[in-house]
PDB file of N, CA and C in Angstrom:
ATOM      1  N   MET A   1     -54.871 -77.306  57.090  1.00  0.00           N
ATOM      2  CA  MET A   1     -55.129 -77.288  55.660  1.00  0.00           C
ATOM      3  C   MET A   1     -54.639 -78.589  55.025  1.00  0.00           C
ATOM      4  N   ILE A   2     -55.454 -79.184  54.227  1.00  0.00           N
ATOM      5  CA  ILE A   2     -55.075 -80.405  53.518  1.00  0.00           C
ATOM      6  C   ILE A   2     -54.329 -80.001  52.250  1.00  0.00           C
ATOM      7  N   LEU A   3     -53.165 -80.593  52.054  1.00  0.00           N
ATOM      8  CA  LEU A   3     -52.337 -80.248  50.910  1.00  0.00           C
ATOM      9  C   LEU A   3     -52.412 -81.337  49.833  1.00  0.00           C
ATOM     10  N   PRO A   4     -52.205 -80.960  48.571  1.00  0.00           N
ATOM     11  CA  PRO A   4     -52.307 -81.930  47.473  1.00  0.00           C
ATOM     12  C   PRO A   4     -51.027 -82.713  47.214  1.00  0.00           C
ATOM     13  N   PHE A   5     -50.044 -82.591  48.101  1.00  0.00           N
ATOM     14  CA  PHE A   5     -48.795 -83.315  47.877  1.00  0.00           C
ATOM     15  C   PHE A   5     -48.318 -83.989  49.156  1.00  0.00           C
ATOM     16  N   SER A   6     -47.508 -85.034  48.965  1.00  0.00           N
ATOM     17  CA  SER A   6     -46.908 -85.762  50.082  1.00  0.00           C
ATOM     18  C   SER A   6     -45.435 -85.970  49.775  1.00  0.00           C
ATOM     19  N   ALA A   7     -44.591 -85.768  50.777  1.00  0.00           N
ATOM     20  CA  ALA A   7     -43.152 -85.938  50.606  1.00  0.00           C
ATOM     21  C   ALA A   7     -42.719 -87.302  51.118  1.00  0.00           C
ATOM     22  N   PHE A   8     -41.792 -87.902  50.409  1.00  0.00           N
ATOM     23  CA  PHE A   8     -41.191 -89.180  50.803  1.00  0.00           C
ATOM     24  C   PHE A   8     -39.676 -88.978  50.807  1.00  0.00           C
ATOM     25  N   ALA A   9     -38.924 -90.023  51.029  1.00  0.00           N
ATOM     26  CA  ALA A   9     -37.471 -89.897  51.151  1.00  0.00           C
ATOM     27  C   ALA A   9     -36.817 -89.307  49.902  1.00  0.00           C
ATOM     28  N   ASN A  10     -37.251 -89.737  48.713  1.00  0.00           N
ATOM     29  CA  ASN A  10     -36.580 -89.278  47.497  1.00  0.00           C
ATOM     30  C   ASN A  10     -37.533 -88.779  46.414  1.00  0.00           C
ATOM     31  N   HIS A  11     -38.807 -88.566  46.759  1.00  0.00           N
ATOM     32  CA  HIS A  11     -39.762 -88.071  45.768  1.00  0.00           C
ATOM     33  C   HIS A  11     -40.959 -87.416  46.454  1.00  0.00           C
ATOM     34  N   VAL A  12     -41.789 -86.794  45.641  1.00  0.00           N
ATOM     35  CA  VAL A  12     -43.023 -86.167  46.113  1.00  0.00           C
ATOM     36  C   VAL A  12     -44.154 -86.678  45.235  1.00  0.00           C
ATOM     37  N   THR A  13     -45.306 -86.993  45.837  1.00  0.00           N
ATOM     38  CA  THR A  13     -46.486 -87.324  45.032  1.00  0.00           C
ATOM     39  C   THR A  13     -47.406 -86.116  45.042  1.00  0.00           C
ATOM     40  N   LEU A  14     -48.079 -85.907  43.920  1.00  0.00           N
ATOM     41  CA  LEU A  14     -48.912 -84.727  43.739  1.00  0.00           C
ATOM     42  C   LEU A  14     -50.242 -85.135  43.129  1.00  0.00           C
ATOM     43  N   ALA A  15     -51.335 -84.740  43.780  1.00  0.00           N
ATOM     44  CA  ALA A  15     -52.683 -85.008  43.264  1.00  0.00           C
ATOM     45  C   ALA A  15     -53.081 -83.845  42.352  1.00  0.00           C
ATOM     46  N   VAL A  16     -53.550 -84.189  41.151  1.00  0.00           N
ATOM     47  CA  VAL A  16     -53.894 -83.173  40.155  1.00  0.00           C
ATOM     48  C   VAL A  16     -55.257 -83.480  39.557  1.00  0.00           C
ATOM     49  N   ARG A  17     -56.025 -82.436  39.295  1.00  0.00           N
ATOM     50  CA  ARG A  17     -57.263 -82.566  38.515  1.00  0.00           C
ATOM     51  C   ARG A  17     -57.005 -81.839  37.213  1.00  0.00           C
ATOM     52  N   LEU A  18     -56.978 -82.595  36.116  1.00  0.00           N
ATOM     53  CA  LEU A  18     -56.599 -82.054  34.812  1.00  0.00           C
ATOM     54  C   LEU A  18     -57.809 -81.751  33.944  1.00  0.00           C
ATOM     55  N   THR A  19     -57.774 -80.581  33.309  1.00  0.00           N
ATOM     56  CA  THR A  19     -58.784 -80.220  32.321  1.00  0.00           C
ATOM     57  C   THR A  19     -58.091 -80.154  30.965  1.00  0.00           C
ATOM     58  N   PRO A  20     -58.306 -81.172  30.112  1.00  0.00           N
ATOM     59  CA  PRO A  20     -57.744 -81.103  28.766  1.00  0.00           C
ATOM     60  C   PRO A  20     -58.568 -80.132  27.913  1.00  0.00           C
ATOM     61  N   ASN A  21     -58.041 -79.712  26.780  1.00  0.00           N
ATOM     62  CA  ASN A  21     -58.729 -78.722  25.932  1.00  0.00           C
ATOM     63  C   ASN A  21     -59.062 -77.470  26.736  1.00  0.00           C
ATOM     64  N   GLY A  22     -58.170 -77.093  27.647  1.00  0.00           N
ATOM     65  CA  GLY A  22     -58.452 -76.002  28.589  1.00  0.00           C
ATOM     66  C   GLY A  22     -58.222 -74.606  28.054  1.00  0.00           C
ATOM     67  N   GLY A  23     -57.841 -74.473  26.798  1.00  0.00           N
ATOM     68  CA  GLY A  23     -57.642 -73.157  26.216  1.00  0.00           C
ATOM     69  C   GLY A  23     -56.247 -72.598  26.409  1.00  0.00           C
ATOM     70  N   ARG A  24     -55.572 -73.011  27.467  1.00  0.00           N
ATOM     71  CA  ARG A  24     -54.196 -72.585  27.732  1.00  0.00           C
ATOM     72  C   ARG A  24     -53.569 -73.584  28.688  1.00  0.00           C
ATOM     73  N   ASP A  25     -52.260 -73.579  28.754  1.00  0.00           N
ATOM     74  CA  ASP A  25     -51.551 -74.425  29.710  1.00  0.00           C
ATOM     75  C   ASP A  25     -51.331 -73.605  30.972  1.00  0.00           C
ATOM     76  N   ALA A  26     -51.922 -74.047  32.090  1.00  0.00           N
ATOM     77  CA  ALA A  26     -51.808 -73.270  33.319  1.00  0.00           C
ATOM     78  C   ALA A  26     -52.088 -74.127  34.540  1.00  0.00           C
ATOM     79  N   ILE A  27     -51.534 -73.679  35.652  1.00  0.00           N
ATOM     80  CA  ILE A  27     -51.840 -74.263  36.952  1.00  0.00           C
ATOM     81  C   ILE A  27     -52.689 -73.229  37.676  1.00  0.00           C
ATOM     82  N   ASP A  28     -53.900 -73.643  38.076  1.00  0.00           N
ATOM     83  CA  ASP A  28     -54.894 -72.708  38.587  1.00  0.00           C
ATOM     84  C   ASP A  28     -55.125 -72.796  40.092  1.00  0.00           C
ATOM     85  N   GLY A  29     -54.153 -73.277  40.851  1.00  0.00           N
ATOM     86  CA  GLY A  29     -54.300 -73.299  42.304  1.00  0.00           C
ATOM     87  C   GLY A  29     -54.762 -74.644  42.841  1.00  0.00           C
ATOM     88  N   ILE A  30     -55.292 -74.602  44.064  1.00  0.00           N
ATOM     89  CA  ILE A  30     -55.732 -75.817  44.764  1.00  0.00           C
ATOM     90  C   ILE A  30     -57.246 -75.821  44.858  1.00  0.00           C
ATOM     91  N   GLU A  31     -57.811 -77.010  44.762  1.00  0.00           N
ATOM     92  CA  GLU A  31     -59.253 -77.203  44.883  1.00  0.00           C
ATOM     93  C   GLU A  31     -59.475 -78.403  45.804  1.00  0.00           C
ATOM     94  N   HIS A  32     -60.595 -78.398  46.532  1.00  0.00           N
ATOM     95  CA  HIS A  32     -60.945 -79.534  47.388  1.00  0.00           C
ATOM     96  C   HIS A  32     -62.202 -80.187  46.830  1.00  0.00           C
ATOM     97  N   ASP A  33     -62.212 -81.532  46.804  1.00  0.00           N
ATOM     98  CA  ASP A  33     -63.401 -82.230  46.316  1.00  0.00           C
ATOM     99  C   ASP A  33     -64.385 -82.449  47.460  1.00  0.00           C
ATOM    100  N   ALA A  34     -65.482 -83.136  47.175  1.00  0.00           N
ATOM    101  CA  ALA A  34     -66.541 -83.349  48.170  1.00  0.00           C
ATOM    102  C   ALA A  34     -66.037 -84.119  49.397  1.00  0.00           C
ATOM    103  N   ASP A  35     -65.022 -84.958  49.206  1.00  0.00           N
ATOM    104  CA  ASP A  35     -64.450 -85.730  50.312  1.00  0.00           C
ATOM    105  C   ASP A  35     -63.443 -84.923  51.124  1.00  0.00           C
ATOM    106  N   GLY A  36     -63.176 -83.691  50.696  1.00  0.00           N
ATOM    107  CA  GLY A  36     -62.212 -82.862  51.400  1.00  0.00           C
ATOM    108  C   GLY A  36     -60.779 -83.068  50.951  1.00  0.00           C
ATOM    109  N   LYS A  37     -60.563 -83.896  49.942  1.00  0.00           N
ATOM    110  CA  LYS A  37     -59.210 -84.136  49.442  1.00  0.00           C
ATOM    111  C   LYS A  37     -58.788 -82.970  48.547  1.00  0.00           C
ATOM    112  N   ALA A  38     -57.536 -82.583  48.691  1.00  0.00           N
ATOM    113  CA  ALA A  38     -57.005 -81.465  47.910  1.00  0.00           C
ATOM    114  C   ALA A  38     -56.334 -81.965  46.646  1.00  0.00           C
ATOM    115  N   HIS A  39     -56.424 -81.170  45.597  1.00  0.00           N
ATOM    116  CA  HIS A  39     -55.694 -81.455  44.363  1.00  0.00           C
ATOM    117  C   HIS A  39     -55.389 -80.127  43.665  1.00  0.00           C
ATOM    118  N   VAL A  40     -54.342 -80.164  42.868  1.00  0.00           N
ATOM    119  CA  VAL A  40     -53.954 -79.003  42.081  1.00  0.00           C
ATOM    120  C   VAL A  40     -54.814 -78.980  40.831  1.00  0.00           C
ATOM    121  N   LYS A  41     -55.379 -77.814  40.522  1.00  0.00           N
ATOM    122  CA  LYS A  41     -56.148 -77.666  39.285  1.00  0.00           C
ATOM    123  C   LYS A  41     -55.177 -77.277  38.179  1.00  0.00           C
ATOM    124  N   ALA A  42     -55.192 -78.055  37.102  1.00  0.00           N
ATOM    125  CA  ALA A  42     -54.326 -77.753  35.965  1.00  0.00           C
ATOM    126  C   ALA A  42     -55.134 -77.870  34.685  1.00  0.00           C
ATOM    127  N   ARG A  43     -54.742 -77.083  33.701  1.00  0.00           N
ATOM    128  CA  ARG A  43     -55.394 -77.163  32.392  1.00  0.00           C
ATOM    129  C   ARG A  43     -54.316 -77.174  31.320  1.00  0.00           C
ATOM    130  N   VAL A  44     -54.589 -77.896  30.244  1.00  0.00           N
ATOM    131  CA  VAL A  44     -53.670 -77.941  29.108  1.00  0.00           C
ATOM    132  C   VAL A  44     -54.471 -77.783  27.828  1.00  0.00           C
ATOM    133  N   THR A  45     -53.816 -77.331  26.778  1.00  0.00           N
ATOM    134  CA  THR A  45     -54.491 -77.160  25.496  1.00  0.00           C
ATOM    135  C   THR A  45     -54.625 -78.480  24.752  1.00  0.00           C
ATOM    136  N   ALA A  46     -53.820 -79.466  25.130  1.00  0.00           N
ATOM    137  CA  ALA A  46     -53.809 -80.754  24.433  1.00  0.00           C
ATOM    138  C   ALA A  46     -55.134 -81.502  24.601  1.00  0.00           C
ATOM    139  N   VAL A  47     -55.436 -82.336  23.602  1.00  0.00           N
ATOM    140  CA  VAL A  47     -56.653 -83.150  23.630  1.00  0.00           C
ATOM    141  C   VAL A  47     -56.403 -84.431  24.427  1.00  0.00           C
ATOM    142  N   PRO A  48     -57.461 -84.991  25.024  1.00  0.00           N
ATOM    143  CA  PRO A  48     -57.292 -86.199  25.852  1.00  0.00           C
ATOM    144  C   PRO A  48     -57.310 -87.483  25.025  1.00  0.00           C
ATOM    145  N   GLU A  49     -56.403 -87.589  24.079  1.00  0.00           N
ATOM    146  CA  GLU A  49     -56.335 -88.830  23.302  1.00  0.00           C
ATOM    147  C   GLU A  49     -54.882 -89.250  23.138  1.00  0.00           C
ATOM    148  N   LYS A  50     -54.660 -90.554  23.222  1.00  0.00           N
ATOM    149  CA  LYS A  50     -53.323 -91.147  23.073  1.00  0.00           C
ATOM    150  C   LYS A  50     -52.292 -90.542  24.027  1.00  0.00           C
ATOM    151  N   GLY A  51     -52.739 -90.144  25.204  1.00  0.00           N
ATOM    152  CA  GLY A  51     -51.819 -89.648  26.226  1.00  0.00           C
ATOM    153  C   GLY A  51     -51.301 -88.238  26.005  1.00  0.00           C
ATOM    154  N   LYS A  52     -51.843 -87.520  25.016  1.00  0.00           N
ATOM    155  CA  LYS A  52     -51.345 -86.171  24.717  1.00  0.00           C
ATOM    156  C   LYS A  52     -51.541 -85.206  25.890  1.00  0.00           C
ATOM    157  N   ALA A  53     -52.701 -85.258  26.525  1.00  0.00           N
ATOM    158  CA  ALA A  53     -52.961 -84.357  27.655  1.00  0.00           C
ATOM    159  C   ALA A  53     -52.049 -84.696  28.838  1.00  0.00           C
ATOM    160  N   ASN A  54     -51.819 -85.980  29.077  1.00  0.00           N
ATOM    161  CA  ASN A  54     -50.920 -86.382  30.172  1.00  0.00           C
ATOM    162  C   ASN A  54     -49.503 -85.889  29.912  1.00  0.00           C
ATOM    163  N   LYS A  55     -49.029 -86.022  28.663  1.00  0.00           N
ATOM    164  CA  LYS A  55     -47.685 -85.546  28.327  1.00  0.00           C
ATOM    165  C   LYS A  55     -47.589 -84.040  28.492  1.00  0.00           C
ATOM    166  N   ALA A  56     -48.643 -83.327  28.109  1.00  0.00           N
ATOM    167  CA  ALA A  56     -48.651 -81.870  28.261  1.00  0.00           C
ATOM    168  C   ALA A  56     -48.638 -81.481  29.741  1.00  0.00           C
ATOM    169  N   LEU A  57     -49.364 -82.222  30.572  1.00  0.00           N
ATOM    170  CA  LEU A  57     -49.373 -81.964  32.011  1.00  0.00           C
ATOM    171  C   LEU A  57     -47.985 -82.173  32.601  1.00  0.00           C
ATOM    172  N   ILE A  58     -47.335 -83.257  32.233  1.00  0.00           N
ATOM    173  CA  ILE A  58     -45.982 -83.542  32.731  1.00  0.00           C
ATOM    174  C   ILE A  58     -45.024 -82.434  32.317  1.00  0.00           C
ATOM    175  N   ALA A  59     -45.116 -81.984  31.064  1.00  0.00           N
ATOM    176  CA  ALA A  59     -44.246 -80.902  30.591  1.00  0.00           C
ATOM    177  C   ALA A  59     -44.521 -79.603  31.350  1.00  0.00           C
ATOM    178  N   LEU A  60     -45.793 -79.302  31.584  1.00  0.00           N
ATOM    179  CA  LEU A  60     -46.185 -78.088  32.308  1.00  0.00           C
ATOM    180  C   LEU A  60     -45.625 -78.104  33.727  1.00  0.00           C
ATOM    181  N   LEU A  61     -45.816 -79.211  34.440  1.00  0.00           N
ATOM    182  CA  LEU A  61     -45.330 -79.298  35.827  1.00  0.00           C
ATOM    183  C   LEU A  61     -43.812 -79.292  35.895  1.00  0.00           C
ATOM    184  N   ALA A  62     -43.162 -80.011  34.982  1.00  0.00           N
ATOM    185  CA  ALA A  62     -41.698 -80.052  34.981  1.00  0.00           C
ATOM    186  C   ALA A  62     -41.131 -78.646  34.801  1.00  0.00           C
ATOM    187  N   LYS A  63     -41.696 -77.891  33.863  1.00  0.00           N
ATOM    188  CA  LYS A  63     -41.221 -76.525  33.622  1.00  0.00           C
ATOM    189  C   LYS A  63     -41.489 -75.634  34.836  1.00  0.00           C
ATOM    190  N   ALA A  64     -42.685 -75.739  35.412  1.00  0.00           N
ATOM    191  CA  ALA A  64     -43.055 -74.905  36.555  1.00  0.00           C
ATOM    192  C   ALA A  64     -42.187 -75.191  37.778  1.00  0.00           C
ATOM    193  N   LEU A  65     -41.773 -76.456  37.929  1.00  0.00           N
ATOM    194  CA  LEU A  65     -40.987 -76.848  39.103  1.00  0.00           C
ATOM    195  C   LEU A  65     -39.483 -76.837  38.843  1.00  0.00           C
ATOM    196  N   GLY A  66     -39.094 -76.630  37.592  1.00  0.00           N
ATOM    197  CA  GLY A  66     -37.673 -76.591  37.259  1.00  0.00           C
ATOM    198  C   GLY A  66     -37.000 -77.944  37.358  1.00  0.00           C
ATOM    199  N   VAL A  67     -37.734 -79.006  36.990  1.00  0.00           N
ATOM    200  CA  VAL A  67     -37.151 -80.348  36.979  1.00  0.00           C
ATOM    201  C   VAL A  67     -37.257 -80.917  35.559  1.00  0.00           C
ATOM    202  N   ALA A  68     -36.510 -81.973  35.301  1.00  0.00           N
ATOM    203  CA  ALA A  68     -36.563 -82.612  33.986  1.00  0.00           C
ATOM    204  C   ALA A  68     -37.905 -83.317  33.798  1.00  0.00           C
ATOM    205  N   LYS A  69     -38.388 -83.355  32.554  1.00  0.00           N
ATOM    206  CA  LYS A  69     -39.654 -84.062  32.284  1.00  0.00           C
ATOM    207  C   LYS A  69     -39.553 -85.525  32.691  1.00  0.00           C
ATOM    208  N   SER A  70     -38.359 -86.094  32.567  1.00  0.00           N
ATOM    209  CA  SER A  70     -38.171 -87.503  32.929  1.00  0.00           C
ATOM    210  C   SER A  70     -38.303 -87.734  34.432  1.00  0.00           C
ATOM    211  N   SER A  71     -38.267 -86.654  35.224  1.00  0.00           N
ATOM    212  CA  SER A  71     -38.413 -86.764  36.684  1.00  0.00           C
ATOM    213  C   SER A  71     -39.870 -86.810  37.117  1.00  0.00           C
ATOM    214  N   VAL A  72     -40.790 -86.501  36.197  1.00  0.00           N
ATOM    215  CA  VAL A  72     -42.219 -86.463  36.521  1.00  0.00           C
ATOM    216  C   VAL A  72     -42.890 -87.644  35.823  1.00  0.00           C
ATOM    217  N   SER A  73     -43.597 -88.468  36.594  1.00  0.00           N
ATOM    218  CA  SER A  73     -44.266 -89.628  36.000  1.00  0.00           C
ATOM    219  C   SER A  73     -45.677 -89.763  36.548  1.00  0.00           C
ATOM    220  N   LEU A  74     -46.522 -90.379  35.748  1.00  0.00           N
ATOM    221  CA  LEU A  74     -47.914 -90.598  36.108  1.00  0.00           C
ATOM    222  C   LEU A  74     -48.014 -91.913  36.885  1.00  0.00           C
ATOM    223  N   VAL A  75     -48.504 -91.836  38.122  1.00  0.00           N
ATOM    224  CA  VAL A  75     -48.642 -93.025  38.962  1.00  0.00           C
ATOM    225  C   VAL A  75     -50.011 -93.661  38.744  1.00  0.00           C
ATOM    226  N   SER A  76     -51.061 -92.817  38.717  1.00  0.00           N
ATOM    227  CA  SER A  76     -52.412 -93.342  38.496  1.00  0.00           C
ATOM    228  C   SER A  76     -53.267 -92.278  37.830  1.00  0.00           C
ATOM    229  N   GLY A  77     -54.367 -92.715  37.228  1.00  0.00           N
ATOM    230  CA  GLY A  77     -55.297 -91.798  36.587  1.00  0.00           C
ATOM    231  C   GLY A  77     -55.019 -91.565  35.119  1.00  0.00           C
ATOM    232  N   ASP A  78     -54.465 -92.566  34.459  1.00  0.00           N
ATOM    233  CA  ASP A  78     -54.086 -92.438  33.047  1.00  0.00           C
ATOM    234  C   ASP A  78     -55.210 -91.850  32.196  1.00  0.00           C
ATOM    235  N   THR A  79     -56.440 -92.348  32.367  1.00  0.00           N
ATOM    236  CA  THR A  79     -57.561 -91.861  31.561  1.00  0.00           C
ATOM    237  C   THR A  79     -58.584 -91.074  32.384  1.00  0.00           C
ATOM    238  N   ALA A  80     -58.272 -90.818  33.645  1.00  0.00           N
ATOM    239  CA  ALA A  80     -59.196 -90.085  34.520  1.00  0.00           C
ATOM    240  C   ALA A  80     -58.792 -88.621  34.623  1.00  0.00           C
ATOM    241  N   ARG A  81     -59.713 -87.776  35.078  1.00  0.00           N
ATOM    242  CA  ARG A  81     -59.394 -86.366  35.291  1.00  0.00           C
ATOM    243  C   ARG A  81     -58.464 -86.197  36.490  1.00  0.00           C
ATOM    244  N   LYS A  82     -58.704 -87.004  37.536  1.00  0.00           N
ATOM    245  CA  LYS A  82     -57.876 -86.918  38.741  1.00  0.00           C
ATOM    246  C   LYS A  82     -56.699 -87.867  38.593  1.00  0.00           C
ATOM    247  N   LYS A  83     -55.526 -87.345  38.827  1.00  0.00           N
ATOM    248  CA  LYS A  83     -54.292 -88.097  38.611  1.00  0.00           C
ATOM    249  C   LYS A  83     -53.368 -87.952  39.812  1.00  0.00           C
ATOM    250  N   ILE A  84     -52.491 -88.926  39.960  1.00  0.00           N
ATOM    251  CA  ILE A  84     -51.423 -88.841  40.947  1.00  0.00           C
ATOM    252  C   ILE A  84     -50.110 -88.866  40.160  1.00  0.00           C
ATOM    253  N   LEU A  85     -49.291 -87.853  40.401  1.00  0.00           N
ATOM    254  CA  LEU A  85     -47.996 -87.761  39.737  1.00  0.00           C
ATOM    255  C   LEU A  85     -46.886 -87.954  40.756  1.00  0.00           C
ATOM    256  N   ARG A  86     -45.787 -88.513  40.293  1.00  0.00           N
ATOM    257  CA  ARG A  86     -44.606 -88.694  41.132  1.00  0.00           C
ATOM    258  C   ARG A  86     -43.510 -87.799  40.579  1.00  0.00           C
ATOM    259  N   ILE A  87     -42.901 -87.019  41.459  1.00  0.00           N
ATOM    260  CA  ILE A  87     -41.827 -86.125  41.064  1.00  0.00           C
ATOM    261  C   ILE A  87     -40.555 -86.609  41.753  1.00  0.00           C
ATOM    262  N   ASP A  88     -39.636 -87.156  40.970  1.00  0.00           N
ATOM    263  CA  ASP A  88     -38.386 -87.682  41.505  1.00  0.00           C
ATOM    264  C   ASP A  88     -37.349 -86.563  41.548  1.00  0.00           C
ATOM    265  N   ALA A  89     -37.283 -85.919  42.688  1.00  0.00           N
ATOM    266  CA  ALA A  89     -36.335 -84.826  42.916  1.00  0.00           C
ATOM    267  C   ALA A  89     -36.236 -84.637  44.425  1.00  0.00           C
ATOM    268  N   GLU A  90     -35.362 -83.759  44.845  1.00  0.00           N
ATOM    269  CA  GLU A  90     -35.188 -83.480  46.272  1.00  0.00           C
ATOM    270  C   GLU A  90     -36.505 -82.951  46.841  1.00  0.00           C
ATOM    271  N   PRO A  91     -37.161 -83.714  47.749  1.00  0.00           N
ATOM    272  CA  PRO A  91     -38.484 -83.325  48.257  1.00  0.00           C
ATOM    273  C   PRO A  91     -38.556 -81.913  48.822  1.00  0.00           C
ATOM    274  N   GLU A  92     -37.528 -81.498  49.549  1.00  0.00           N
ATOM    275  CA  GLU A  92     -37.533 -80.167  50.149  1.00  0.00           C
ATOM    276  C   GLU A  92     -37.623 -79.082  49.078  1.00  0.00           C
ATOM    277  N   ASP A  93     -36.859 -79.243  47.993  1.00  0.00           N
ATOM    278  CA  ASP A  93     -36.872 -78.269  46.892  1.00  0.00           C
ATOM    279  C   ASP A  93     -38.225 -78.263  46.190  1.00  0.00           C
ATOM    280  N   VAL A  94     -38.759 -79.450  45.920  1.00  0.00           N
ATOM    281  CA  VAL A  94     -40.036 -79.556  45.209  1.00  0.00           C
ATOM    282  C   VAL A  94     -41.151 -78.919  46.035  1.00  0.00           C
ATOM    283  N   ILE A  95     -41.186 -79.183  47.322  1.00  0.00           N
ATOM    284  CA  ILE A  95     -42.235 -78.621  48.177  1.00  0.00           C
ATOM    285  C   ILE A  95     -42.123 -77.106  48.252  1.00  0.00           C
ATOM    286  N   ARG A  96     -40.899 -76.589  48.340  1.00  0.00           N
ATOM    287  CA  ARG A  96     -40.718 -75.141  48.351  1.00  0.00           C
ATOM    288  C   ARG A  96     -41.248 -74.520  47.050  1.00  0.00           C
ATOM    289  N   LYS A  97     -40.930 -75.152  45.923  1.00  0.00           N
ATOM    290  CA  LYS A  97     -41.394 -74.644  44.626  1.00  0.00           C
ATOM    291  C   LYS A  97     -42.911 -74.769  44.493  1.00  0.00           C
ATOM    292  N   LEU A  98     -43.486 -75.867  44.994  1.00  0.00           N
ATOM    293  CA  LEU A  98     -44.949 -76.035  44.962  1.00  0.00           C
ATOM    294  C   LEU A  98     -45.620 -74.968  45.817  1.00  0.00           C
ATOM    295  N   ASN A  99     -45.087 -74.708  46.993  1.00  0.00           N
ATOM    296  CA  ASN A  99     -45.656 -73.669  47.866  1.00  0.00           C
ATOM    297  C   ASN A  99     -45.636 -72.311  47.173  1.00  0.00           C
ATOM    298  N   ASP A 100     -44.531 -71.992  46.502  1.00  0.00           N
ATOM    299  CA  ASP A 100     -44.436 -70.723  45.777  1.00  0.00           C
ATOM    300  C   ASP A 100     -45.445 -70.688  44.620  1.00  0.00           C
ATOM    301  N   LEU A 101     -45.481 -71.775  43.869  1.00  0.00           N
ATOM    302  CA  LEU A 101     -46.356 -71.874  42.697  1.00  0.00           C
ATOM    303  C   LEU A 101     -47.817 -71.749  43.071  1.00  0.00           C
ATOM    304  N   LEU A 102     -48.198 -72.367  44.197  1.00  0.00           N
ATOM    305  CA  LEU A 102     -49.598 -72.401  44.620  1.00  0.00           C
ATOM    306  C   LEU A 102     -49.959 -71.283  45.593  1.00  0.00           C
ATOM    307  N   GLY A 103     -48.999 -70.457  45.941  1.00  0.00           N
ATOM    308  CA  GLY A 103     -49.255 -69.334  46.840  1.00  0.00           C
ATOM    309  C   GLY A 103     -49.540 -69.760  48.264  1.00  0.00           C
ATOM    310  N   LEU A 104     -48.845 -70.780  48.730  1.00  0.00           N
ATOM    311  CA  LEU A 104     -49.053 -71.282  50.111  1.00  0.00           C
ATOM    312  C   LEU A 104     -48.055 -70.648  51.072  1.00  0.00           C
TER     313      LEU A 104
END
């Protein structure tokens, strides 16, 4: 199974497909694109202007993973639907929480 995250020595990267104006803030599981790459499906109520949706995504993930918002940063995909996030926390803990969150 291809997973949407990768662990490194002191952080985890996470591939996300964000739906702004999604009606609610939620993480909706894992999805695979046409290339077979996995990403977490997330939706936020915020609009995609002036970084509001990105900030809402960071807040949603930080709360779901039990880490500080300052520990979650956007690596790429500032204006795209598909984004790569970096979570600066103990990789083992983050992966365990992601597995629980995503039902893996």
